[in-house]
Amino acid sequence: MVRRAAYYFIGIGGIGMSSIAKYLVTNNFKVGGYDLTKSNITKKLEKRGIKIVYKDDMENIPLQFRKKNVIVVYTPAISKEHKQLVFFKNQGNTIYKRSQILGKITSKFKTIAIAGTHGKTTTAAIVTHLFYQTGQSFTAFVGGVLNEFESNIVINGNEFAIVEADEYDRSFLNLNPMIGCVTSIDSDHLDIYGSFKGVKRSFKEFIGKIKDKVIVSNDLGINGISYSLNTKSDYYACNIKFSETGYVFDLITPSSTYKSLFFSDLGLHNLLNAVGAFAISSQAGINETELCKALSNYQGVERRFQLILNSKKHILIDDYAHHPNEIIAVWKAIKNLYPKYKLCVIFQPHLYSRTKDFMNQFAYALSKFDRIILLPIYPARELPIDGIESSVLKRKIKSKNNVELVKKEKLLSVIKNVPEKVKVTLGAGDIGFEIKKMKNKLIEL
C-alpha cells in the first residue's frame, strides 16, 4: 500500500468503511471523513481522534484533508455526483473504492476471505473469535460489531487477515485470498448483476482468485472442502440437540470426531456458520482441540439473532435479515426456540430495487409471522422506483395476517399495544437505531 500523509473517507460511518479507518488511525495515519448522519460508529471514530464532518460542502472539510496528496476512499453507496467526491476527482487526488483499499491493505497478509449472500458476517466473526482465543496473529475486518470486542475490527498481529468479502458491486474481486469460503449463493443485488446467472458468474470468478484452499457449504455443489449439518461432508455437525441456551452436537472432521460440543448462537443457520468457521480455522492450521474449546464461549455479533429483551411480558429479538431467505431462517429459529408463542415481526425493507426484485418472496416470508408491522422502504443509496412501496408489499401479504404499515416515528406508540409476546425486528437500514428505544418502552409496560 502506498503510504501517504492522510486519508479522507466519504461515507466513513459505514460498517465496512469505519473498520478500515480504524485500522489506518491505529497505524498512525491521519484520518478524516464525511458522513451524512452522526451515529454510534462515528462517535467512536471521533473519540479515536478522527475528524468527521456531516455536511458535504467543501468548506466544512479541515484544510489538511483538502490537499492533493490526501488519499480519498469512498463507498459505492455514495453518489458519483457527491460534492466532495467530485472535488477530489477534479483536483486529481488518488481515489479508491472501499474494496480497493481493503485489497491493498490485506495484500501483505495471508488473507482469509469469507463470501456469501448470507452468513458471511457471522462466519467471519466466529473465525475472528477462534483465532483470538487460540492466540493467532491476525487482523480482522468484519461487517458487524462483535460483542466480544465491541468493535468491527480486531487487530491482534499481522500474519493473517480475516476479511468479510462483500459481493455487492463485485467488491470481493479486489481481494486475493489464500483461503476463501463461500457460505451461500442466492439471487441478490440484481441492480448490479442483472440476473442470478450474473451473481453465480461473479462468485465463480471470486473462487478462481483463491490461491490455496476453497471451503464451501456442501449444498452449493462447488468443488472444495465442504461443511454441512447432518450430511456427510469434510466437516459436519450431527446428533444436534437444541436448548434455549444453544446447541450441543458432535463434530466430524477429516481427522477426528469431537463429542458434545456447545455453541450458543441460536438458529441452525448460525450453527452451520460455526461449522464453516471451524473448517476455515482448521485448514489454516489451528489445533482442532483448541478450536473445540474456543467455540463454546463465542459471544455473537450485534444484530445477528440478538436477544435484546427477555422478560415475563416481552421477548425482543433483533436481526439484520433483509432478504426473503434470511427472514425465513430467522422465523424457523424463533419457532424452534418459542414454539408456544405467536410471533410479531417489525420489518424495514432495504432498497427499492431489492423490494421490487423480491416483492412476492418477501410477502411469502413475512406471511409466516402472526403479525406484521411494515416500515417504509429504507432507500440507502437509491432513488425511489415508481410503484414500489411498502404499501404494495402490505397488499401482497396474506389477508389472514394482521398487517400494519407504520412510520418509524410512530413505532414506539404502536409496539406497546402489540399482544404477541415475541417480537423480532428485521432489516439492514436504520431500524437498528430504534432497538434500544423499543427495549426501554417495553420495559416500562
Protein backbone atom coordinates (compact mmCIF):
# COMPACT_ATOMS: atom_id res chain seq x y z
CA MET A 1 0.00 0.00 0.00
CA VAL A 2 1.29 3.47 -0.87
CA ARG A 3 1.95 5.41 2.31
CA ARG A 4 0.69 8.99 2.34
CA ALA A 5 0.21 11.64 4.96
CA ALA A 6 -3.56 11.40 5.24
CA TYR A 7 -6.73 9.53 4.23
CA TYR A 8 -10.19 11.01 3.79
CA PHE A 9 -13.27 8.72 3.83
CA ILE A 10 -16.52 9.71 2.12
CA GLY A 11 -19.16 7.66 3.94
CA ILE A 12 -16.92 6.93 6.91
CA GLY A 13 -19.83 5.81 9.12
CA GLY A 14 -20.47 2.63 7.13
CA ILE A 15 -19.61 -0.64 8.83
CA GLY A 16 -17.00 -1.55 6.22
CA MET A 17 -15.55 1.94 5.85
CA SER A 18 -15.20 2.51 9.59
CA SER A 19 -13.13 -0.64 10.15
CA ILE A 20 -10.57 0.50 7.56
CA ALA A 21 -10.49 3.98 9.07
CA LYS A 22 -9.81 2.45 12.50
CA TYR A 23 -7.04 0.30 11.05
CA LEU A 24 -5.32 3.31 9.47
CA VAL A 25 -5.56 5.56 12.52
CA THR A 26 -4.23 2.72 14.69
CA ASN A 27 -1.25 2.55 12.33
CA ASN A 28 -0.59 6.28 12.84
CA PHE A 29 -2.09 7.66 9.63
CA LYS A 30 -4.04 10.89 9.75
CA VAL A 31 -7.69 10.10 9.02
CA GLY A 32 -10.74 12.28 8.43
CA GLY A 33 -14.07 11.80 6.75
CA TYR A 34 -17.63 12.71 5.90
CA ASP A 35 -20.90 11.04 6.75
CA LEU A 36 -24.50 12.12 6.37
CA THR A 37 -25.52 11.47 9.98
CA LYS A 38 -23.89 11.18 13.38
CA SER A 39 -24.12 7.63 14.78
CA ASN A 40 -22.58 5.41 17.44
CA ILE A 41 -19.97 4.39 14.87
CA THR A 42 -18.99 7.97 14.01
CA LYS A 43 -18.93 8.96 17.68
CA LYS A 44 -16.46 6.15 18.40
CA LEU A 45 -14.33 7.21 15.44
CA GLU A 46 -14.27 10.78 16.71
CA LYS A 47 -13.08 9.53 20.09
CA ARG A 48 -10.15 7.95 18.23
CA GLY A 49 -9.18 11.42 17.00
CA ILE A 50 -10.78 11.16 13.56
CA LYS A 51 -12.25 14.45 12.38
CA ILE A 52 -15.69 13.89 10.80
CA VAL A 53 -17.90 16.45 9.06
CA TYR A 54 -21.62 15.99 8.45
CA LYS A 55 -22.18 18.49 5.63
CA ASP A 56 -20.97 17.82 2.11
CA ASP A 57 -19.82 21.38 1.35
CA MET A 58 -16.05 21.60 0.84
CA GLU A 59 -15.57 24.45 3.32
CA ASN A 60 -16.53 22.08 6.12
CA ILE A 61 -13.51 19.85 5.45
CA PRO A 62 -10.41 20.70 7.52
CA LEU A 63 -7.65 22.19 5.36
CA GLN A 64 -5.24 19.30 5.98
CA PHE A 65 -7.67 16.94 4.17
CA ARG A 66 -8.26 19.17 1.14
CA LYS A 67 -4.73 18.73 -0.23
CA LYS A 68 -3.90 16.88 -3.43
CA ASN A 69 -1.71 14.30 -1.66
CA VAL A 70 -4.61 13.09 0.51
CA ILE A 71 -5.84 9.60 -0.43
CA VAL A 72 -9.63 9.50 -0.76
CA VAL A 73 -11.69 6.39 -0.02
CA TYR A 74 -15.39 6.21 -0.85
CA THR A 75 -18.19 3.71 -0.50
CA PRO A 76 -20.32 2.67 -3.53
CA ALA A 77 -23.31 3.92 -1.53
CA ILE A 78 -22.10 7.47 -2.23
CA SER A 79 -23.45 9.15 -5.37
CA LYS A 80 -20.94 9.86 -8.13
CA GLU A 81 -22.25 13.44 -8.05
CA HIS A 82 -21.39 13.88 -4.36
CA LYS A 83 -19.82 17.34 -3.99
CA GLN A 84 -16.74 16.16 -2.11
CA LEU A 85 -16.08 13.22 -4.42
CA VAL A 86 -16.37 15.47 -7.47
CA PHE A 87 -13.97 17.99 -5.89
CA PHE A 88 -11.31 15.38 -5.20
CA LYS A 89 -11.65 13.87 -8.68
CA ASN A 90 -11.23 17.27 -10.30
CA GLN A 91 -8.27 18.04 -8.07
CA GLY A 92 -6.52 14.84 -9.12
CA ASN A 93 -6.38 13.06 -5.76
CA THR A 94 -5.71 9.32 -5.64
CA ILE A 95 -9.16 7.78 -5.11
CA TYR A 96 -10.09 4.23 -4.11
CA LYS A 97 -13.33 2.41 -3.56
CA ARG A 98 -13.55 0.81 -0.12
CA SER A 99 -12.93 -2.65 -1.56
CA GLN A 100 -9.86 -1.47 -3.45
CA ILE A 101 -8.13 -0.03 -0.39
CA LEU A 102 -9.06 -3.14 1.60
CA GLY A 103 -7.43 -5.27 -1.11
CA LYS A 104 -4.26 -3.17 -0.91
CA ILE A 105 -4.13 -3.35 2.89
CA THR A 106 -4.65 -7.11 3.03
CA SER A 107 -2.22 -7.92 0.22
CA LYS A 108 0.60 -8.10 2.77
CA PHE A 109 -1.28 -10.63 4.92
CA LYS A 110 -2.25 -14.26 4.48
CA THR A 111 -5.83 -13.38 3.63
CA ILE A 112 -8.85 -15.44 4.63
CA ALA A 113 -11.86 -14.12 2.70
CA ILE A 114 -15.39 -15.19 3.61
CA ALA A 115 -18.05 -14.58 0.95
CA GLY A 116 -21.73 -15.43 0.57
CA THR A 117 -25.05 -13.72 0.08
CA HIS A 118 -25.95 -14.87 3.62
CA GLY A 119 -23.86 -15.90 6.61
CA LYS A 120 -20.58 -14.17 5.81
CA THR A 121 -20.65 -11.72 8.74
CA THR A 122 -21.39 -14.37 11.36
CA THR A 123 -18.88 -16.80 9.86
CA ALA A 124 -16.18 -14.11 9.76
CA ALA A 125 -16.99 -13.16 13.35
CA ILE A 126 -16.70 -16.77 14.56
CA VAL A 127 -13.39 -17.20 12.73
CA THR A 128 -12.16 -14.00 14.40
CA HIS A 129 -13.19 -15.34 17.80
CA LEU A 130 -11.49 -18.69 17.19
CA PHE A 131 -8.26 -17.04 16.04
CA TYR A 132 -8.23 -14.73 19.04
CA GLN A 133 -9.00 -17.41 21.61
CA THR A 134 -6.26 -19.67 20.24
CA GLY A 135 -3.64 -16.93 20.22
CA GLN A 136 -3.13 -16.41 16.49
CA SER A 137 -1.52 -13.38 14.83
CA PHE A 138 -4.25 -11.68 12.75
CA THR A 139 -6.23 -8.58 11.88
CA ALA A 140 -9.95 -8.98 11.19
CA PHE A 141 -12.24 -6.68 9.20
CA VAL A 142 -15.83 -7.76 9.94
CA GLY A 143 -19.14 -6.36 8.64
CA GLY A 144 -20.69 -6.26 12.10
CA VAL A 145 -19.82 -5.31 15.67
CA LEU A 146 -18.53 -8.33 17.61
CA ASN A 147 -19.95 -8.36 21.12
CA GLU A 148 -16.72 -9.81 22.47
CA PHE A 149 -14.67 -6.82 21.32
CA GLU A 150 -17.36 -4.13 20.88
CA SER A 151 -15.76 -3.45 17.52
CA ASN A 152 -15.91 -4.38 13.83
CA ILE A 153 -12.11 -4.63 13.63
CA VAL A 154 -9.76 -6.72 15.76
CA ILE A 155 -6.03 -6.05 15.48
CA ASN A 156 -4.04 -8.89 17.04
CA GLY A 157 -1.00 -9.19 14.77
CA ASN A 158 -0.16 -9.16 11.07
CA GLU A 159 0.15 -12.75 9.85
CA PHE A 160 -3.46 -13.41 8.78
CA ALA A 161 -6.17 -11.04 7.58
CA ILE A 162 -9.73 -12.21 8.18
CA VAL A 163 -11.98 -10.36 5.75
CA GLU A 164 -15.69 -10.36 5.03
CA ALA A 165 -15.78 -10.49 1.22
CA ASP A 166 -18.75 -8.44 0.01
CA GLU A 167 -20.30 -9.41 -3.32
CA TYR A 168 -22.05 -6.04 -3.79
CA ASP A 169 -20.55 -4.11 -6.69
CA ARG A 170 -18.24 -7.13 -7.22
CA SER A 171 -16.16 -5.80 -4.33
CA PHE A 172 -14.74 -9.21 -3.38
CA LEU A 173 -12.89 -9.39 -6.69
CA ASN A 174 -10.41 -6.86 -5.29
CA LEU A 175 -9.18 -9.48 -2.80
CA ASN A 176 -6.53 -12.13 -3.38
CA PRO A 177 -7.20 -14.68 -0.64
CA MET A 178 -5.03 -17.58 0.42
CA ILE A 179 -8.09 -19.28 1.93
CA GLY A 180 -11.58 -18.49 0.68
CA CYS A 181 -15.01 -19.57 1.88
CA VAL A 182 -18.43 -19.34 0.21
CA THR A 183 -21.31 -19.72 2.66
CA SER A 184 -24.21 -19.30 0.22
CA ILE A 185 -25.15 -18.05 -3.24
CA ASP A 186 -28.64 -16.64 -3.68
CA SER A 187 -30.22 -14.19 -6.05
CA ASP A 188 -29.50 -10.67 -4.74
CA HIS A 189 -28.10 -7.30 -5.87
CA LEU A 190 -29.82 -7.68 -9.21
CA ASP A 191 -29.36 -3.94 -9.73
CA ILE A 192 -25.67 -4.81 -10.15
CA TYR A 193 -25.77 -8.31 -11.67
CA GLY A 194 -28.96 -8.25 -13.72
CA SER A 195 -29.75 -11.92 -13.06
CA PHE A 196 -28.93 -14.86 -10.81
CA LYS A 197 -26.60 -16.11 -13.54
CA GLY A 198 -24.64 -12.89 -13.15
CA VAL A 199 -24.38 -13.46 -9.39
CA LYS A 200 -23.09 -17.01 -9.92
CA ARG A 201 -20.54 -15.87 -12.51
CA SER A 202 -19.12 -13.36 -10.07
CA PHE A 203 -18.80 -15.96 -7.30
CA LYS A 204 -17.10 -18.30 -9.76
CA GLU A 205 -14.60 -15.54 -10.53
CA PHE A 206 -14.05 -15.00 -6.79
CA ILE A 207 -13.38 -18.70 -6.26
CA GLY A 208 -10.89 -18.60 -9.12
CA LYS A 209 -8.87 -15.97 -7.25
CA ILE A 210 -8.38 -18.20 -4.17
CA LYS A 211 -4.74 -19.28 -4.07
CA ASP A 212 -4.84 -22.29 -1.76
CA LYS A 213 -7.94 -23.70 -0.08
CA VAL A 214 -11.58 -23.32 -1.14
CA ILE A 215 -14.11 -24.02 1.62
CA VAL A 216 -17.80 -24.24 0.67
CA SER A 217 -21.17 -25.05 2.16
CA ASN A 218 -21.97 -28.57 0.99
CA ASP A 219 -25.33 -27.67 -0.58
CA LEU A 220 -23.71 -25.38 -3.17
CA GLY A 221 -22.31 -28.25 -5.22
CA ILE A 222 -18.98 -26.47 -5.65
CA ASN A 223 -15.70 -28.37 -5.59
CA GLY A 224 -13.82 -27.66 -2.41
CA ILE A 225 -13.52 -28.57 1.25
CA SER A 226 -17.15 -28.94 2.29
CA TYR A 227 -19.11 -28.39 5.50
CA SER A 228 -22.71 -29.08 6.49
CA LEU A 229 -25.25 -30.11 9.12
CA ASN A 230 -26.33 -33.75 9.26
CA THR A 231 -24.86 -34.54 5.83
CA LYS A 232 -21.56 -36.30 5.31
CA SER A 233 -19.04 -33.66 4.33
CA ASP A 234 -15.41 -32.94 5.11
CA TYR A 235 -16.65 -31.12 8.23
CA TYR A 236 -20.16 -31.68 9.57
CA ALA A 237 -22.23 -31.46 12.74
CA CYS A 238 -24.56 -34.31 13.71
CA ASN A 239 -26.54 -35.56 16.72
CA ILE A 240 -27.66 -31.97 17.21
CA LYS A 241 -29.59 -31.24 20.40
CA PHE A 242 -31.33 -27.89 20.84
CA SER A 243 -31.99 -25.90 24.02
CA GLU A 244 -32.77 -22.29 24.90
CA THR A 245 -29.08 -21.69 25.60
CA GLY A 246 -27.73 -23.13 22.35
CA TYR A 247 -26.78 -26.39 20.64
CA VAL A 248 -24.93 -29.49 21.78
CA PHE A 249 -23.61 -31.54 18.86
CA ASP A 250 -20.93 -33.87 17.58
CA LEU A 251 -18.47 -32.56 15.03
CA ILE A 252 -16.87 -34.77 12.40
CA THR A 253 -13.68 -33.53 10.71
CA PRO A 254 -11.37 -35.25 8.18
CA SER A 255 -9.15 -36.42 11.03
CA SER A 256 -11.31 -36.76 14.17
CA THR A 257 -14.71 -36.91 15.85
CA TYR A 258 -15.45 -34.49 18.69
CA LYS A 259 -18.35 -35.28 21.00
CA SER A 260 -20.79 -32.97 22.77
CA LEU A 261 -19.52 -29.58 21.63
CA PHE A 262 -21.51 -26.47 22.59
CA PHE A 263 -22.38 -23.41 20.53
CA SER A 264 -24.55 -20.62 21.93
CA ASP A 265 -25.82 -18.75 18.83
CA LEU A 266 -29.40 -19.79 18.12
CA GLY A 267 -30.68 -20.83 14.70
CA LEU A 268 -29.45 -23.80 12.69
CA HIS A 269 -28.16 -21.37 10.06
CA ASN A 270 -25.81 -19.97 12.70
CA LEU A 271 -24.69 -23.46 13.72
CA LEU A 272 -23.87 -24.11 10.06
CA ASN A 273 -21.82 -20.90 10.06
CA ALA A 274 -19.96 -22.19 13.12
CA VAL A 275 -19.07 -25.44 11.34
CA GLY A 276 -17.81 -23.41 8.38
CA ALA A 277 -15.74 -21.20 10.69
CA PHE A 278 -14.27 -24.30 12.35
CA ALA A 279 -13.36 -25.70 8.92
CA ILE A 280 -11.64 -22.46 7.91
CA SER A 281 -9.66 -22.27 11.16
CA SER A 282 -8.68 -25.94 10.97
CA GLN A 283 -7.49 -25.55 7.38
CA ALA A 284 -5.47 -22.51 8.46
CA GLY A 285 -3.52 -24.87 10.72
CA ILE A 286 -5.02 -24.27 14.17
CA ASN A 287 -5.18 -27.23 16.55
CA GLU A 288 -8.72 -28.67 16.47
CA THR A 289 -8.84 -29.49 20.19
CA GLU A 290 -8.14 -25.84 20.94
CA LEU A 291 -10.82 -24.82 18.44
CA CYS A 292 -13.40 -27.02 20.19
CA LYS A 293 -12.73 -25.25 23.50
CA ALA A 294 -12.85 -21.82 21.91
CA LEU A 295 -16.13 -22.46 20.09
CA SER A 296 -18.02 -22.85 23.36
CA ASN A 297 -17.64 -19.22 24.50
CA TYR A 298 -18.44 -17.31 21.33
CA GLN A 299 -20.45 -14.17 22.20
CA GLY A 300 -22.13 -13.25 18.92
CA VAL A 301 -22.48 -10.17 16.71
CA GLU A 302 -24.75 -7.18 17.11
CA ARG A 303 -27.97 -7.51 15.07
CA ARG A 304 -27.41 -11.20 14.25
CA PHE A 305 -30.24 -13.01 16.08
CA GLN A 306 -29.51 -10.86 19.11
CA LEU A 307 -31.75 -11.34 22.16
CA ILE A 308 -32.42 -7.76 23.30
CA LEU A 309 -35.05 -8.36 25.99
CA ASN A 310 -36.35 -11.48 27.71
CA SER A 311 -38.88 -10.64 30.42
CA LYS A 312 -42.12 -12.18 31.65
CA LYS A 313 -44.15 -9.97 29.30
CA HIS A 314 -41.87 -9.37 26.34
CA ILE A 315 -39.23 -11.09 24.25
CA LEU A 316 -37.44 -8.84 21.76
CA ILE A 317 -35.02 -10.20 19.14
CA ASP A 318 -33.10 -8.15 16.58
CA ASP A 319 -31.62 -9.39 13.31
CA TYR A 320 -30.07 -7.87 10.19
CA ALA A 321 -32.13 -10.11 7.85
CA HIS A 322 -33.04 -8.20 4.69
CA HIS A 323 -33.52 -10.97 2.10
CA PRO A 324 -36.53 -13.36 1.98
CA ASN A 325 -34.38 -16.43 2.63
CA GLU A 326 -32.85 -14.77 5.67
CA ILE A 327 -36.29 -13.87 7.02
CA ILE A 328 -37.42 -17.49 6.74
CA ALA A 329 -34.24 -18.66 8.52
CA VAL A 330 -34.96 -16.26 11.40
CA TRP A 331 -38.61 -17.37 11.56
CA LYS A 332 -37.56 -21.04 11.79
CA ALA A 333 -35.09 -20.26 14.55
CA ILE A 334 -37.68 -18.37 16.60
CA LYS A 335 -40.32 -21.07 16.14
CA ASN A 336 -37.85 -23.68 17.40
CA LEU A 337 -36.97 -21.50 20.36
CA TYR A 338 -40.52 -20.36 21.28
CA PRO A 339 -42.93 -22.90 19.73
CA LYS A 340 -45.84 -21.97 22.03
CA TYR A 341 -45.91 -18.25 21.28
CA LYS A 342 -47.30 -16.21 18.43
CA LEU A 343 -44.77 -14.00 16.66
CA CYS A 344 -44.76 -10.37 15.60
CA VAL A 345 -42.23 -9.12 13.03
CA ILE A 346 -41.27 -5.47 12.54
CA PHE A 347 -39.68 -5.28 9.10
CA GLN A 348 -37.97 -2.38 7.34
CA PRO A 349 -37.42 -3.24 3.66
CA HIS A 350 -33.93 -2.30 2.43
CA LEU A 351 -33.58 -0.77 -1.04
CA TYR A 352 -36.27 -0.12 -3.61
CA SER A 353 -34.53 -2.42 -6.10
CA ARG A 354 -34.40 -5.39 -3.73
CA THR A 355 -38.04 -4.87 -2.73
CA LYS A 356 -39.00 -4.77 -6.42
CA ASP A 357 -36.97 -7.88 -7.30
CA PHE A 358 -38.32 -9.99 -4.41
CA MET A 359 -41.74 -8.48 -3.68
CA ASN A 360 -43.61 -11.82 -3.83
CA GLN A 361 -40.87 -13.66 -1.91
CA PHE A 362 -40.94 -11.04 0.84
CA ALA A 363 -44.72 -11.37 1.08
CA TYR A 364 -44.40 -15.15 1.40
CA ALA A 365 -41.67 -15.00 4.03
CA LEU A 366 -43.40 -12.37 6.15
CA SER A 367 -46.75 -14.17 5.98
CA LYS A 368 -45.29 -16.87 8.24
CA PHE A 369 -45.50 -14.45 11.16
CA ASP A 370 -48.73 -13.88 13.07
CA ARG A 371 -48.47 -10.10 12.99
CA ILE A 372 -46.50 -7.94 10.54
CA ILE A 373 -45.54 -4.31 11.12
CA LEU A 374 -44.02 -2.77 7.99
CA LEU A 375 -41.90 0.37 7.93
CA PRO A 376 -41.34 2.44 4.78
CA ILE A 377 -38.53 1.26 2.49
CA TYR A 378 -35.06 2.35 3.58
CA PRO A 379 -33.55 3.77 0.36
CA ALA A 380 -29.84 3.80 1.28
CA ARG A 381 -28.07 4.69 -1.98
CA GLU A 382 -31.18 4.58 -4.20
CA LEU A 383 -33.82 6.91 -5.55
CA PRO A 384 -37.48 5.80 -5.36
CA ILE A 385 -38.88 3.46 -8.01
CA ASP A 386 -42.42 4.16 -9.24
CA GLY A 387 -44.92 1.70 -7.83
CA ILE A 388 -42.50 0.18 -5.30
CA GLU A 389 -43.58 0.99 -1.75
CA SER A 390 -44.20 -0.86 1.50
CA SER A 391 -47.94 -0.37 0.90
CA VAL A 392 -47.64 -2.61 -2.18
CA LEU A 393 -45.89 -5.27 -0.11
CA LYS A 394 -48.62 -4.97 2.52
CA ARG A 395 -51.31 -5.77 -0.05
CA LYS A 396 -49.46 -8.89 -1.18
CA ILE A 397 -49.23 -10.44 2.30
CA LYS A 398 -51.94 -13.00 3.01
CA SER A 399 -55.06 -11.36 4.42
CA LYS A 400 -55.33 -13.77 7.36
CA ASN A 401 -52.40 -11.98 8.98
CA ASN A 402 -52.55 -8.74 10.93
CA VAL A 403 -50.54 -6.34 8.74
CA GLU A 404 -49.92 -2.70 9.56
CA LEU A 405 -47.86 -0.02 7.82
CA VAL A 406 -46.22 2.31 10.33
CA LYS A 407 -43.91 5.31 10.03
CA LYS A 408 -40.73 4.90 12.03
CA GLU A 409 -41.54 7.84 14.32
CA LYS A 410 -44.81 6.12 15.32
CA LEU A 411 -43.23 2.73 16.01
CA LEU A 412 -42.85 3.13 19.78
CA SER A 413 -46.51 4.05 20.26
CA VAL A 414 -47.58 1.05 18.15
CA ILE A 415 -45.25 -1.53 19.67
CA LYS A 416 -46.61 -1.05 23.19
CA ASN A 417 -50.02 -2.35 22.06
CA VAL A 418 -48.77 -5.46 20.24
CA PRO A 419 -50.26 -8.52 22.02
CA GLU A 420 -47.68 -11.07 20.81
CA LYS A 421 -45.04 -11.75 23.44
CA VAL A 422 -42.28 -12.46 20.92
CA LYS A 423 -41.29 -9.53 18.73
CA VAL A 424 -38.47 -9.51 16.16
CA THR A 425 -37.06 -6.52 14.31
CA LEU A 426 -35.59 -7.20 10.87
CA GLY A 427 -33.82 -5.10 8.26
CA ALA A 428 -30.50 -3.68 7.09
CA GLY A 429 -31.47 0.00 7.25
CA ASP A 430 -31.66 2.31 10.25
CA ILE A 431 -34.15 0.19 12.18
CA GLY A 432 -31.20 -0.83 14.35
CA PHE A 433 -31.20 2.67 15.86
CA GLU A 434 -34.69 2.01 17.25
CA ILE A 435 -33.85 -1.16 19.19
CA LYS A 436 -32.73 0.48 22.42
CA LYS A 437 -35.79 2.77 22.38
CA MET A 438 -38.09 -0.22 21.84
CA LYS A 439 -36.44 -2.13 24.66
CA ASN A 440 -36.88 0.79 27.06
CA LYS A 441 -40.53 1.24 26.01
CA LEU A 442 -41.32 -2.46 26.57
CA ILE A 443 -39.58 -2.48 29.96
CA GLU A 444 -41.91 0.30 31.07
CA LEU A 445 -45.03 -1.78 30.34
